[in-house]
Protein backbone atom coordinates (compact mmCIF):
# COMPACT_ATOMS: atom_id res chain seq x y z
CA UNK A 1 72.05 160.18 35.54
CA UNK A 2 70.11 158.37 32.76
CA UNK A 3 73.29 156.15 32.47
CA UNK A 4 72.48 154.73 36.04
CA UNK A 5 69.47 154.58 35.97
CA UNK A 6 69.43 151.43 33.31
CA UNK A 7 72.32 149.93 35.09
CA UNK A 8 70.58 149.53 37.88
CA UNK A 9 67.31 148.38 36.60
CA UNK A 10 69.05 146.11 34.32
CA UNK A 11 71.20 145.08 37.33
CA UNK A 12 68.25 142.27 38.42
CA UNK A 13 67.98 141.10 34.84
CA UNK A 14 71.99 140.19 34.73
CA UNK A 15 72.05 138.17 37.80
CA UNK A 16 68.94 136.30 37.16
CA UNK A 17 70.79 135.31 33.42
CA UNK A 18 73.85 134.62 35.46
CA UNK A 19 72.28 132.75 38.43
CA UNK A 20 72.83 134.62 41.35
CA UNK A 21 70.20 135.57 43.49
CA UNK A 22 69.02 138.48 44.97
CA UNK A 23 67.02 136.98 47.61
CA UNK A 24 68.25 137.01 51.46
CA UNK A 25 69.33 133.69 52.61
CA UNK A 26 70.30 132.98 56.80
CA UNK A 27 73.64 132.80 56.88
CA UNK A 28 75.53 129.42 57.27
CA UNK A 29 76.47 128.93 61.02
CA UNK A 30 80.09 128.78 61.37
CA UNK A 31 81.39 125.37 62.74
CA UNK A 32 84.20 126.20 65.42
CA UNK A 33 86.76 122.96 65.25
CA UNK A 34 87.92 123.82 68.71
CA UNK A 35 84.53 123.10 69.58
CA UNK A 36 83.51 119.67 67.56
CA UNK A 37 82.45 116.67 69.48
CA UNK A 38 85.63 114.81 70.81
CA UNK A 39 85.37 111.43 71.97
CA UNK A 40 85.39 111.34 75.61
CA UNK A 41 88.97 111.00 77.29
CA UNK A 42 90.42 108.43 78.86
CA UNK A 43 89.38 108.61 82.99
CA UNK A 44 92.75 109.35 84.76
CA UNK A 45 94.79 105.61 85.85
CA UNK A 46 94.14 105.85 89.86
CA UNK A 47 96.20 102.92 90.41
CA UNK A 48 99.60 101.55 90.73
CA UNK A 49 102.89 100.36 92.53
CA UNK A 50 104.73 102.52 95.42
CA UNK A 51 107.53 102.02 97.98
CA UNK A 52 110.94 102.17 98.83
CA UNK A 53 113.80 100.62 96.54
CA UNK A 54 117.28 100.61 98.44
CA UNK A 55 119.97 97.93 100.65
CA UNK A 56 120.54 97.22 104.44
CA UNK A 57 123.31 96.32 106.35
CA UNK A 58 122.49 93.70 108.86
CA UNK A 59 122.04 95.37 111.76
CA UNK A 60 120.95 98.31 110.83
CA UNK A 61 117.70 100.47 111.96
CA UNK A 62 116.82 101.90 108.60
CA UNK A 63 117.88 100.75 105.34
CA UNK A 64 119.57 103.47 102.24
CA UNK A 65 117.81 104.29 99.46
CA UNK A 66 118.45 104.80 95.95
CA UNK A 67 118.65 108.04 94.07
CA UNK A 68 117.89 107.95 90.05
CA UNK A 69 116.12 104.62 88.35
CA UNK A 70 114.94 102.62 91.10
CA UNK A 71 112.37 99.82 89.99
CA UNK A 72 111.66 98.73 86.96
CA UNK A 73 108.33 97.16 85.73
CA UNK A 74 108.16 94.69 83.21
CA UNK A 75 105.11 92.54 81.23
CA UNK A 76 103.98 89.52 83.18
CA UNK A 77 105.95 87.58 80.71
CA UNK A 78 109.11 89.45 82.75
CA UNK A 79 110.27 89.91 78.89
CA UNK A 80 108.97 93.94 78.42
CA UNK A 81 109.92 96.83 80.58
CA UNK A 82 106.91 98.82 80.40
CA UNK A 83 107.55 101.36 83.13
CA UNK A 84 110.18 102.72 85.84
CA UNK A 85 110.46 104.39 88.99
CA UNK A 86 112.45 107.17 89.98
CA UNK A 87 113.95 107.87 93.58
CA UNK A 88 114.95 111.51 93.72
CA UNK A 89 117.80 112.73 95.97
CA UNK A 90 115.31 114.14 98.27
CA UNK A 91 113.30 111.29 98.82
CA UNK A 92 116.05 108.43 98.17
CA UNK A 93 114.84 105.39 97.42
CA UNK A 94 110.51 106.27 97.72
CA UNK A 95 108.70 106.20 94.31
CA UNK A 96 105.16 105.73 93.08
CA UNK A 97 104.60 104.91 89.27
CA UNK A 98 101.39 105.19 87.59
CA UNK A 99 100.36 101.37 86.37
CA UNK A 100 97.13 100.05 84.62
CA UNK A 101 95.38 97.05 86.13
CA UNK A 102 96.97 94.10 85.41
CA UNK A 103 99.94 91.79 86.07
CA UNK A 104 103.53 92.42 86.19
CA UNK A 105 106.68 91.84 87.52
CA UNK A 106 108.54 94.30 89.39
CA UNK A 107 112.72 94.10 89.09
CA UNK A 108 114.40 96.28 92.26
CA UNK A 109 117.68 95.63 94.45
CA UNK A 110 115.48 92.74 96.51
CA UNK A 111 115.15 90.84 92.74
CA UNK A 112 111.91 90.22 90.72
CA UNK A 113 108.56 89.95 92.54
CA UNK A 114 105.26 89.36 90.29
CA UNK A 115 102.78 91.51 91.32
CA UNK A 116 98.62 91.98 89.96
CA UNK A 117 97.68 95.83 89.92
CA UNK A 118 93.80 96.43 90.65
CA UNK A 119 91.49 99.20 89.44
CA UNK A 120 91.63 102.07 92.18
CA UNK A 121 94.31 99.92 94.35
CA UNK A 122 98.12 100.89 94.49
CA UNK A 123 100.56 97.52 95.54
CA UNK A 124 102.99 98.97 98.35
CA UNK A 125 106.12 97.40 97.60
CA UNK A 126 109.73 97.09 99.49
CA UNK A 127 112.21 96.03 97.58
CA UNK A 128 115.42 95.43 99.28
CA UNK A 129 119.09 94.29 99.17
CA UNK A 130 121.51 93.27 101.98
CA UNK A 131 124.18 94.50 101.82
CA UNK A 132 127.79 93.46 103.73
CA UNK A 133 128.71 94.60 106.86
CA UNK A 134 131.45 97.27 106.90
CA UNK A 135 135.09 96.47 109.00
């Protein structure tokens, strides 16, 4: 028992010599990287182009819609493709493409058309080619 008393009495002196403090300090706050302040995300784009892409036989009442890739969007200079529209089997010919505001060239069955997309607006486009009449 005498040895344990000496050891306990010597402990503060040993800690002092080694630079360890017995003083209680407030725990350091734990920073959660998941809750770190992140830059504000860009708001969702609320503009673009929508419409119909397909072909029409002269004299018919309704056009035939394309299935699959049906419209292509190129930059203002008509050099680089920036987006494409998909037309589903469920809604042949109908497409909707989200675009940032700007000037583009739309390529489809009806040819090339320059378009301007403004912030918060949707441009309606109908790109139709005339199909030859059958016998």
